[in-house]
Amino acid sequence: MIPGISLQMKKTLSMYALCIGLKVFWATQFQVGEAVDNEEMSKGWTRIRKSLSRGKSVFLLVNHVSRLDGLLMAMVAPMDVTAKCKTLMNITLFRQFLVGRIWELCGHLPVYFKSDEHGKFKVDQEKQAVVSKELREFMETGKILIFCPEGQINKEPRTLQPFRRGSFRLPTELKMDIWAFTTHNAHVTWPKKAAFGGVPTTLNYTLTKIHDGDSASVPEDPNSEEFKATYIKLAASCQKAMQVEVDKFYALESKQDQ
């Protein structure tokens, strides 16, 4: 690594390097088309930049239908935005050959699940507390957390799985803006059981602001029942808003098939 620079700068440079590689790779995937409103996407990224410029952190939700989801966001987002991102990943992904080291160099954070069983989200509280502290310090500086609120790949892409309510505690406390990067057909080009993606299809995705942190009313005591009710309500509200985006994709698909 380059001597004389901070650890965070090293992680940022690693993110830039990863993004360049992913964008080059994506440019070669001619068999995968895109039906995207680029003007609206550009406006969304600009608004996110403005939030970050005034120290406002962003909780960026991604519907989880494929292993492509997070990678796709990095492939299509502006690099200056992606360089300010972290995501939470199953600790097993950090143990994979080569790519595990890449996630570590970029500064992504592990989730220490106690079980790999589908639908089980209990974590090792002691290990996760260390991660939570690092995440909070990062998010207090006006950064982006990319997060799949469903917690696992969805077998039924038409209907979002229940959002993990506890994940909305920190965004509530820090009054983050919440955006949805919603995709369509990612599960087609990279099926859940396939080792690699690349199946010909047309992808669509949108970038939508679904919660304004500045206008949110948040109880002062983060340990109160009122505060808990607030972030539970926020999780439900965000799921409803994101489901609207998913429904739009399938409504358009049905119309095109007629």
C-alpha atoms as a PDB file:
ATOM      1  CA  MET A   1       0.000   0.000   0.000  1.00  0.00           C
ATOM      2  CA  ILE A   2       1.001   3.656  -0.391  1.00  0.00           C
ATOM      3  CA  PRO A   3       2.955   4.910   2.666  1.00  0.00           C
ATOM      4  CA  GLY A   4       2.128   8.158   4.438  1.00  0.00           C
ATOM      5  CA  ILE A   5      -1.657   8.187   3.915  1.00  0.00           C
ATOM      6  CA  SER A   6      -4.428   7.387   6.361  1.00  0.00           C
ATOM      7  CA  LEU A   7      -6.185   4.038   6.588  1.00  0.00           C
ATOM      8  CA  GLN A   8      -9.449   5.640   5.487  1.00  0.00           C
ATOM      9  CA  MET A   9      -7.775   7.120   2.395  1.00  0.00           C
ATOM     10  CA  LYS A  10      -6.370   3.688   1.556  1.00  0.00           C
ATOM     11  CA  LYS A  11      -9.877   2.257   1.774  1.00  0.00           C
ATOM     12  CA  THR A  12     -11.227   5.073  -0.412  1.00  0.00           C
ATOM     13  CA  LEU A  13      -8.552   4.473  -3.051  1.00  0.00           C
ATOM     14  CA  SER A  14      -9.356   0.757  -2.951  1.00  0.00           C
ATOM     15  CA  MET A  15     -13.013   1.598  -3.584  1.00  0.00           C
ATOM     16  CA  TYR A  16     -12.036   3.738  -6.584  1.00  0.00           C
ATOM     17  CA  ALA A  17      -9.937   0.884  -7.966  1.00  0.00           C
ATOM     18  CA  LEU A  18     -12.772  -1.597  -7.469  1.00  0.00           C
ATOM     19  CA  CYS A  19     -15.293   0.716  -9.130  1.00  0.00           C
ATOM     20  CA  ILE A  20     -13.064   1.237 -12.167  1.00  0.00           C
ATOM     21  CA  GLY A  21     -12.683  -2.517 -12.563  1.00  0.00           C
ATOM     22  CA  LEU A  22     -16.423  -3.123 -12.193  1.00  0.00           C
ATOM     23  CA  LYS A  23     -17.324  -0.363 -14.674  1.00  0.00           C
ATOM     24  CA  VAL A  24     -14.904  -1.744 -17.263  1.00  0.00           C
ATOM     25  CA  PHE A  25     -16.362  -5.217 -16.770  1.00  0.00           C
ATOM     26  CA  TRP A  26     -19.934  -3.921 -17.032  1.00  0.00           C
ATOM     27  CA  ALA A  27     -19.119  -2.149 -20.290  1.00  0.00           C
ATOM     28  CA  THR A  28     -18.246  -5.536 -21.834  1.00  0.00           C
ATOM     29  CA  GLN A  29     -21.588  -7.157 -20.961  1.00  0.00           C
ATOM     30  CA  PHE A  30     -23.222  -6.446 -24.299  1.00  0.00           C
ATOM     31  CA  GLN A  31     -25.797  -9.206 -23.819  1.00  0.00           C
ATOM     32  CA  VAL A  32     -27.355  -7.344 -20.885  1.00  0.00           C
ATOM     33  CA  GLY A  33     -29.426  -4.347 -21.902  1.00  0.00           C
ATOM     34  CA  GLU A  34     -30.629  -1.437 -19.774  1.00  0.00           C
ATOM     35  CA  ALA A  35     -33.972   0.383 -19.820  1.00  0.00           C
ATOM     36  CA  VAL A  36     -33.155   3.255 -17.494  1.00  0.00           C
ATOM     37  CA  ASP A  37     -34.120   6.920 -17.201  1.00  0.00           C
ATOM     38  CA  ASN A  38     -30.556   8.238 -17.060  1.00  0.00           C
ATOM     39  CA  GLU A  39     -31.679  11.819 -16.505  1.00  0.00           C
ATOM     40  CA  GLU A  40     -33.632  10.884 -13.370  1.00  0.00           C
ATOM     41  CA  MET A  41     -30.748   8.731 -12.128  1.00  0.00           C
ATOM     42  CA  SER A  42     -28.360  11.657 -12.588  1.00  0.00           C
ATOM     43  CA  LYS A  43     -30.685  13.976 -10.662  1.00  0.00           C
ATOM     44  CA  GLY A  44     -30.826  11.451  -7.833  1.00  0.00           C
ATOM     45  CA  TRP A  45     -27.044  11.148  -7.535  1.00  0.00           C
ATOM     46  CA  THR A  46     -26.757  14.947  -7.581  1.00  0.00           C
ATOM     47  CA  ARG A  47     -29.219  15.254  -4.708  1.00  0.00           C
ATOM     48  CA  ILE A  48     -27.301  12.632  -2.742  1.00  0.00           C
ATOM     49  CA  ARG A  49     -24.057  14.548  -3.345  1.00  0.00           C
ATOM     50  CA  LYS A  50     -25.683  17.693  -1.960  1.00  0.00           C
ATOM     51  CA  SER A  51     -26.721  15.843   1.201  1.00  0.00           C
ATOM     52  CA  LEU A  52     -23.205  14.486   1.681  1.00  0.00           C
ATOM     53  CA  SER A  53     -21.662  17.917   1.090  1.00  0.00           C
ATOM     54  CA  ARG A  54     -23.453  19.279   4.147  1.00  0.00           C
ATOM     55  CA  GLY A  55     -22.486  16.310   6.315  1.00  0.00           C
ATOM     56  CA  LYS A  56     -25.778  14.462   5.907  1.00  0.00           C
ATOM     57  CA  SER A  57     -25.429  10.672   5.810  1.00  0.00           C
ATOM     58  CA  VAL A  58     -27.503   8.518   3.468  1.00  0.00           C
ATOM     59  CA  PHE A  59     -29.038   5.086   4.022  1.00  0.00           C
ATOM     60  CA  LEU A  60     -29.199   3.559   0.522  1.00  0.00           C
ATOM     61  CA  LEU A  61     -31.522   0.565   0.325  1.00  0.00           C
ATOM     62  CA  VAL A  62     -31.212  -2.120  -2.371  1.00  0.00           C
ATOM     63  CA  ASN A  63     -33.802  -4.842  -2.982  1.00  0.00           C
ATOM     64  CA  HIS A  64     -32.047  -8.196  -2.723  1.00  0.00           C
ATOM     65  CA  VAL A  65     -32.938 -10.583  -5.565  1.00  0.00           C
ATOM     66  CA  SER A  66     -29.475 -11.594  -6.783  1.00  0.00           C
ATOM     67  CA  ARG A  67     -25.780 -11.510  -5.947  1.00  0.00           C
ATOM     68  CA  LEU A  68     -25.604  -8.824  -8.628  1.00  0.00           C
ATOM     69  CA  ASP A  69     -27.534  -6.219  -6.603  1.00  0.00           C
ATOM     70  CA  GLY A  70     -24.768  -4.421  -4.710  1.00  0.00           C
ATOM     71  CA  LEU A  71     -22.294  -4.860  -7.539  1.00  0.00           C
ATOM     72  CA  LEU A  72     -24.750  -3.308  -9.985  1.00  0.00           C
ATOM     73  CA  MET A  73     -25.035  -0.219  -7.803  1.00  0.00           C
ATOM     74  CA  ALA A  74     -21.238   0.131  -7.836  1.00  0.00           C
ATOM     75  CA  MET A  75     -21.163  -0.402 -11.610  1.00  0.00           C
ATOM     76  CA  VAL A  76     -23.656   2.347 -12.437  1.00  0.00           C
ATOM     77  CA  ALA A  77     -23.186   4.920  -9.648  1.00  0.00           C
ATOM     78  CA  PRO A  78     -20.727   7.816 -10.059  1.00  0.00           C
ATOM     79  CA  MET A  79     -17.358   6.873  -8.587  1.00  0.00           C
ATOM     80  CA  ASP A  80     -17.188   9.906  -6.303  1.00  0.00           C
ATOM     81  CA  VAL A  81     -20.423   8.709  -4.695  1.00  0.00           C
ATOM     82  CA  THR A  82     -19.424   5.049  -4.441  1.00  0.00           C
ATOM     83  CA  ALA A  83     -16.090   6.002  -2.861  1.00  0.00           C
ATOM     84  CA  LYS A  84     -18.036   7.310   0.137  1.00  0.00           C
ATOM     85  CA  CYS A  85     -19.917   4.058   0.659  1.00  0.00           C
ATOM     86  CA  LYS A  86     -19.692   1.111   2.972  1.00  0.00           C
ATOM     87  CA  THR A  87     -21.891  -1.944   3.140  1.00  0.00           C
ATOM     88  CA  LEU A  88     -22.514  -4.737   5.623  1.00  0.00           C
ATOM     89  CA  MET A  89     -21.788  -8.260   4.390  1.00  0.00           C
ATOM     90  CA  ASN A  90     -22.053 -11.763   5.794  1.00  0.00           C
ATOM     91  CA  ILE A  91     -18.717 -12.639   7.412  1.00  0.00           C
ATOM     92  CA  THR A  92     -18.503 -15.716   5.152  1.00  0.00           C
ATOM     93  CA  LEU A  93     -18.011 -13.407   2.139  1.00  0.00           C
ATOM     94  CA  PHE A  94     -14.798 -12.100   3.691  1.00  0.00           C
ATOM     95  CA  ARG A  95     -13.457 -15.654   3.766  1.00  0.00           C
ATOM     96  CA  GLN A  96     -13.872 -16.250   0.039  1.00  0.00           C
ATOM     97  CA  PHE A  97     -10.768 -16.574  -2.096  1.00  0.00           C
ATOM     98  CA  LEU A  98      -9.488 -13.237  -3.455  1.00  0.00           C
ATOM     99  CA  VAL A  99     -12.780 -11.299  -3.303  1.00  0.00           C
ATOM    100  CA  GLY A 100     -12.840 -11.535   0.485  1.00  0.00           C
ATOM    101  CA  ARG A 101      -9.599  -9.584   0.621  1.00  0.00           C
ATOM    102  CA  ILE A 102     -11.050  -6.994  -1.775  1.00  0.00           C
ATOM    103  CA  TRP A 103     -14.041  -6.358   0.526  1.00  0.00           C
ATOM    104  CA  GLU A 104     -11.640  -5.926   3.435  1.00  0.00           C
ATOM    105  CA  LEU A 105      -9.399  -3.481   1.564  1.00  0.00           C
ATOM    106  CA  CYS A 106     -12.426  -1.376   0.612  1.00  0.00           C
ATOM    107  CA  GLY A 107     -13.450  -1.121   4.253  1.00  0.00           C
ATOM    108  CA  HIS A 108     -16.750  -2.999   4.061  1.00  0.00           C
ATOM    109  CA  LEU A 109     -17.977  -4.412   7.347  1.00  0.00           C
ATOM    110  CA  PRO A 110     -18.905  -7.948   8.409  1.00  0.00           C
ATOM    111  CA  VAL A 111     -22.118  -9.246   9.915  1.00  0.00           C
ATOM    112  CA  TYR A 112     -21.475 -12.098  12.327  1.00  0.00           C
ATOM    113  CA  PHE A 113     -24.554 -14.242  11.832  1.00  0.00           C
ATOM    114  CA  LYS A 114     -24.839 -17.175  14.226  1.00  0.00           C
ATOM    115  CA  SER A 115     -26.476 -19.337  11.576  1.00  0.00           C
ATOM    116  CA  ASP A 116     -26.511 -19.659   7.787  1.00  0.00           C
ATOM    117  CA  GLU A 117     -30.084 -20.945   7.890  1.00  0.00           C
ATOM    118  CA  HIS A 118     -32.493 -19.055   5.626  1.00  0.00           C
ATOM    119  CA  GLY A 119     -34.508 -16.525   7.607  1.00  0.00           C
ATOM    120  CA  LYS A 120     -32.301 -16.640  10.707  1.00  0.00           C
ATOM    121  CA  PHE A 121     -30.740 -13.249  11.509  1.00  0.00           C
ATOM    122  CA  LYS A 122     -29.380 -13.613  15.045  1.00  0.00           C
ATOM    123  CA  VAL A 123     -25.847 -12.254  15.337  1.00  0.00           C
ATOM    124  CA  ASP A 124     -22.942 -12.607  17.722  1.00  0.00           C
ATOM    125  CA  GLN A 125     -23.667  -9.536  19.836  1.00  0.00           C
ATOM    126  CA  GLU A 126     -20.126  -9.147  21.191  1.00  0.00           C
ATOM    127  CA  LYS A 127     -18.440  -9.221  17.780  1.00  0.00           C
ATOM    128  CA  GLN A 128     -21.147  -7.136  16.147  1.00  0.00           C
ATOM    129  CA  ALA A 129     -20.817  -4.406  18.779  1.00  0.00           C
ATOM    130  CA  VAL A 130     -17.287  -3.651  17.539  1.00  0.00           C
ATOM    131  CA  VAL A 131     -18.573  -3.404  13.968  1.00  0.00           C
ATOM    132  CA  SER A 132     -21.475  -1.172  15.013  1.00  0.00           C
ATOM    133  CA  LYS A 133     -19.089   1.256  16.693  1.00  0.00           C
ATOM    134  CA  GLU A 134     -16.964   1.540  13.532  1.00  0.00           C
ATOM    135  CA  LEU A 135     -20.065   1.957  11.381  1.00  0.00           C
ATOM    136  CA  ARG A 136     -21.452   4.719  13.576  1.00  0.00           C
ATOM    137  CA  GLU A 137     -18.154   6.633  13.454  1.00  0.00           C
ATOM    138  CA  PHE A 138     -18.148   6.349   9.658  1.00  0.00           C
ATOM    139  CA  MET A 139     -21.770   7.423   9.239  1.00  0.00           C
ATOM    140  CA  GLU A 140     -21.379  10.431  11.522  1.00  0.00           C
ATOM    141  CA  THR A 141     -19.084  11.999   8.909  1.00  0.00           C
ATOM    142  CA  GLY A 142     -21.594  12.284   6.059  1.00  0.00           C
ATOM    143  CA  LYS A 143     -21.236   8.993   4.218  1.00  0.00           C
ATOM    144  CA  ILE A 144     -23.418   6.322   2.587  1.00  0.00           C
ATOM    145  CA  LEU A 145     -24.429   2.920   3.915  1.00  0.00           C
ATOM    146  CA  ILE A 146     -25.544   0.573   1.142  1.00  0.00           C
ATOM    147  CA  PHE A 147     -27.901  -1.931   2.705  1.00  0.00           C
ATOM    148  CA  CYS A 148     -30.156  -4.815   1.674  1.00  0.00           C
ATOM    149  CA  PRO A 149     -32.939  -4.494   4.270  1.00  0.00           C
ATOM    150  CA  GLU A 150     -34.409  -7.913   3.469  1.00  0.00           C
ATOM    151  CA  GLY A 151     -31.256  -9.551   4.799  1.00  0.00           C
ATOM    152  CA  GLN A 152     -31.196 -12.393   2.280  1.00  0.00           C
ATOM    153  CA  ILE A 153     -31.796 -13.073  -1.403  1.00  0.00           C
ATOM    154  CA  ASN A 154     -35.518 -12.990  -2.119  1.00  0.00           C
ATOM    155  CA  LYS A 155     -37.000 -16.090  -3.753  1.00  0.00           C
ATOM    156  CA  GLU A 156     -40.039 -14.062  -4.878  1.00  0.00           C
ATOM    157  CA  PRO A 157     -38.745 -10.829  -6.475  1.00  0.00           C
ATOM    158  CA  ARG A 158     -42.261  -9.449  -7.012  1.00  0.00           C
ATOM    159  CA  THR A 159     -42.836  -9.046  -3.274  1.00  0.00           C
ATOM    160  CA  LEU A 160     -40.268  -7.612  -0.880  1.00  0.00           C
ATOM    161  CA  GLN A 161     -39.455  -9.683   2.172  1.00  0.00           C
ATOM    162  CA  PRO A 162     -40.007  -8.055   5.594  1.00  0.00           C
ATOM    163  CA  PHE A 163     -37.385  -5.407   6.277  1.00  0.00           C
ATOM    164  CA  ARG A 164     -35.133  -6.002   9.269  1.00  0.00           C
ATOM    165  CA  ARG A 165     -36.539  -3.403  11.629  1.00  0.00           C
ATOM    166  CA  GLY A 166     -33.509  -3.108  13.915  1.00  0.00           C
ATOM    167  CA  SER A 167     -31.432  -1.988  10.940  1.00  0.00           C
ATOM    168  CA  PHE A 168     -33.362   1.282  10.941  1.00  0.00           C
ATOM    169  CA  ARG A 169     -32.281   2.231  14.459  1.00  0.00           C
ATOM    170  CA  LEU A 170     -29.081   4.042  13.434  1.00  0.00           C
ATOM    171  CA  PRO A 171     -30.669   5.856  10.446  1.00  0.00           C
ATOM    172  CA  THR A 172     -33.417   7.039  12.789  1.00  0.00           C
ATOM    173  CA  GLU A 173     -30.978   8.224  15.447  1.00  0.00           C
ATOM    174  CA  LEU A 174     -28.761  10.077  12.950  1.00  0.00           C
ATOM    175  CA  LYS A 175     -31.795  11.362  10.996  1.00  0.00           C
ATOM    176  CA  MET A 176     -30.386  10.056   7.725  1.00  0.00           C
ATOM    177  CA  ASP A 177     -31.984  10.566   4.353  1.00  0.00           C
ATOM    178  CA  ILE A 178     -33.120   7.226   2.952  1.00  0.00           C
ATOM    179  CA  TRP A 179     -32.956   6.367  -0.749  1.00  0.00           C
ATOM    180  CA  ALA A 180     -34.019   3.253  -2.626  1.00  0.00           C
ATOM    181  CA  PHE A 181     -31.958   1.773  -5.461  1.00  0.00           C
ATOM    182  CA  THR A 182     -34.573  -0.612  -6.839  1.00  0.00           C
ATOM    183  CA  THR A 183     -33.718  -3.124  -9.550  1.00  0.00           C
ATOM    184  CA  HIS A 184     -35.692  -5.301 -11.932  1.00  0.00           C
ATOM    185  CA  ASN A 185     -34.483  -8.503 -13.644  1.00  0.00           C
ATOM    186  CA  ALA A 186     -31.198  -8.762 -11.732  1.00  0.00           C
ATOM    187  CA  HIS A 187     -32.306 -12.262 -10.731  1.00  0.00           C
ATOM    188  CA  VAL A 188     -32.705 -13.129 -14.410  1.00  0.00           C
ATOM    189  CA  THR A 189     -29.177 -12.195 -15.464  1.00  0.00           C
ATOM    190  CA  TRP A 190     -27.683 -13.753 -12.322  1.00  0.00           C
ATOM    191  CA  PRO A 191     -29.982 -16.485 -10.967  1.00  0.00           C
ATOM    192  CA  LYS A 192     -29.729 -17.323  -7.281  1.00  0.00           C
ATOM    193  CA  LYS A 193     -28.278 -20.810  -7.776  1.00  0.00           C
ATOM    194  CA  ALA A 194     -25.863 -19.855 -10.578  1.00  0.00           C
ATOM    195  CA  ALA A 195     -22.163 -19.531  -9.787  1.00  0.00           C
ATOM    196  CA  PHE A 196     -21.825 -16.698 -12.301  1.00  0.00           C
ATOM    197  CA  GLY A 197     -24.155 -14.208 -13.970  1.00  0.00           C
ATOM    198  CA  GLY A 198     -24.442 -12.857 -17.499  1.00  0.00           C
ATOM    199  CA  VAL A 199     -27.709 -14.343 -18.783  1.00  0.00           C
ATOM    200  CA  PRO A 200     -29.077 -12.074 -21.556  1.00  0.00           C
ATOM    201  CA  THR A 201     -31.903  -9.824 -20.352  1.00  0.00           C
ATOM    202  CA  THR A 202     -32.869  -6.165 -19.953  1.00  0.00           C
ATOM    203  CA  LEU A 203     -32.238  -4.573 -16.577  1.00  0.00           C
ATOM    204  CA  ASN A 204     -34.097  -1.642 -15.124  1.00  0.00           C
ATOM    205  CA  TYR A 205     -33.376   0.303 -11.976  1.00  0.00           C
ATOM    206  CA  THR A 206     -34.470   3.498 -10.273  1.00  0.00           C
ATOM    207  CA  LEU A 207     -33.090   5.801  -7.578  1.00  0.00           C
ATOM    208  CA  THR A 208     -35.804   7.233  -5.354  1.00  0.00           C
ATOM    209  CA  LYS A 209     -35.757   9.261  -2.151  1.00  0.00           C
ATOM    210  CA  ILE A 210     -38.204   7.603   0.240  1.00  0.00           C
ATOM    211  CA  HIS A 211     -37.476   9.387   3.534  1.00  0.00           C
ATOM    212  CA  ASP A 212     -36.295  12.881   4.443  1.00  0.00           C
ATOM    213  CA  GLY A 213     -34.249  12.821   7.630  1.00  0.00           C
ATOM    214  CA  ASP A 214     -34.477  16.562   8.253  1.00  0.00           C
ATOM    215  CA  SER A 215     -38.268  16.508   8.498  1.00  0.00           C
ATOM    216  CA  ALA A 216     -38.407  13.424  10.744  1.00  0.00           C
ATOM    217  CA  SER A 217     -39.606  13.731  14.342  1.00  0.00           C
ATOM    218  CA  VAL A 218     -37.363  11.550  16.512  1.00  0.00           C
ATOM    219  CA  PRO A 219     -37.683  10.990  20.296  1.00  0.00           C
ATOM    220  CA  GLU A 220     -34.630  12.192  22.241  1.00  0.00           C
ATOM    221  CA  ASP A 221     -34.099   8.990  24.241  1.00  0.00           C
ATOM    222  CA  PRO A 222     -32.798   6.226  21.900  1.00  0.00           C
ATOM    223  CA  ASN A 223     -33.535   3.623  24.573  1.00  0.00           C
ATOM    224  CA  SER A 224     -37.205   4.493  24.949  1.00  0.00           C
ATOM    225  CA  GLU A 225     -40.125   2.459  23.676  1.00  0.00           C
ATOM    226  CA  GLU A 226     -41.234   5.518  21.731  1.00  0.00           C
ATOM    227  CA  PHE A 227     -37.919   5.585  19.878  1.00  0.00           C
ATOM    228  CA  LYS A 228     -38.229   1.869  19.078  1.00  0.00           C
ATOM    229  CA  ALA A 229     -41.728   2.406  17.737  1.00  0.00           C
ATOM    230  CA  THR A 230     -40.377   5.213  15.557  1.00  0.00           C
ATOM    231  CA  TYR A 231     -37.765   3.111  13.769  1.00  0.00           C
ATOM    232  CA  ILE A 232     -40.147   0.164  13.433  1.00  0.00           C
ATOM    233  CA  LYS A 233     -42.632   2.489  11.753  1.00  0.00           C
ATOM    234  CA  LEU A 234     -39.850   3.845   9.520  1.00  0.00           C
ATOM    235  CA  ALA A 235     -38.893   0.339   8.380  1.00  0.00           C
ATOM    236  CA  ALA A 236     -42.502  -0.397   7.428  1.00  0.00           C
ATOM    237  CA  SER A 237     -42.841   2.937   5.624  1.00  0.00           C
ATOM    238  CA  CYS A 238     -39.671   2.354   3.593  1.00  0.00           C
ATOM    239  CA  GLN A 239     -40.742  -1.165   2.663  1.00  0.00           C
ATOM    240  CA  LYS A 240     -44.087   0.158   1.432  1.00  0.00           C
ATOM    241  CA  ALA A 241     -42.401   2.890  -0.630  1.00  0.00           C
ATOM    242  CA  MET A 242     -39.897   0.491  -2.154  1.00  0.00           C
ATOM    243  CA  GLN A 243     -42.630  -2.014  -2.982  1.00  0.00           C
ATOM    244  CA  VAL A 244     -44.281   0.728  -5.040  1.00  0.00           C
ATOM    245  CA  GLU A 245     -41.124   0.891  -7.185  1.00  0.00           C
ATOM    246  CA  VAL A 246     -41.063  -2.902  -7.599  1.00  0.00           C
ATOM    247  CA  ASP A 247     -44.747  -2.924  -8.584  1.00  0.00           C
ATOM    248  CA  LYS A 248     -44.088  -0.272 -11.245  1.00  0.00           C
ATOM    249  CA  PHE A 249     -41.531  -2.526 -12.913  1.00  0.00           C
ATOM    250  CA  TYR A 250     -43.881  -5.490 -13.083  1.00  0.00           C
ATOM    251  CA  ALA A 251     -46.811  -3.349 -14.250  1.00  0.00           C
ATOM    252  CA  LEU A 252     -44.660  -2.071 -17.104  1.00  0.00           C
ATOM    253  CA  GLU A 253     -43.512  -5.609 -17.894  1.00  0.00           C
ATOM    254  CA  SER A 254     -47.120  -6.823 -18.086  1.00  0.00           C
ATOM    255  CA  LYS A 255     -48.071  -3.921 -20.346  1.00  0.00           C
ATOM    256  CA  GLN A 256     -45.177  -4.684 -22.706  1.00  0.00           C
ATOM    257  CA  ASP A 257     -46.175  -8.365 -22.869  1.00  0.00           C
ATOM    258  CA  GLN A 258     -49.693  -7.518 -24.033  1.00  0.00           C
END
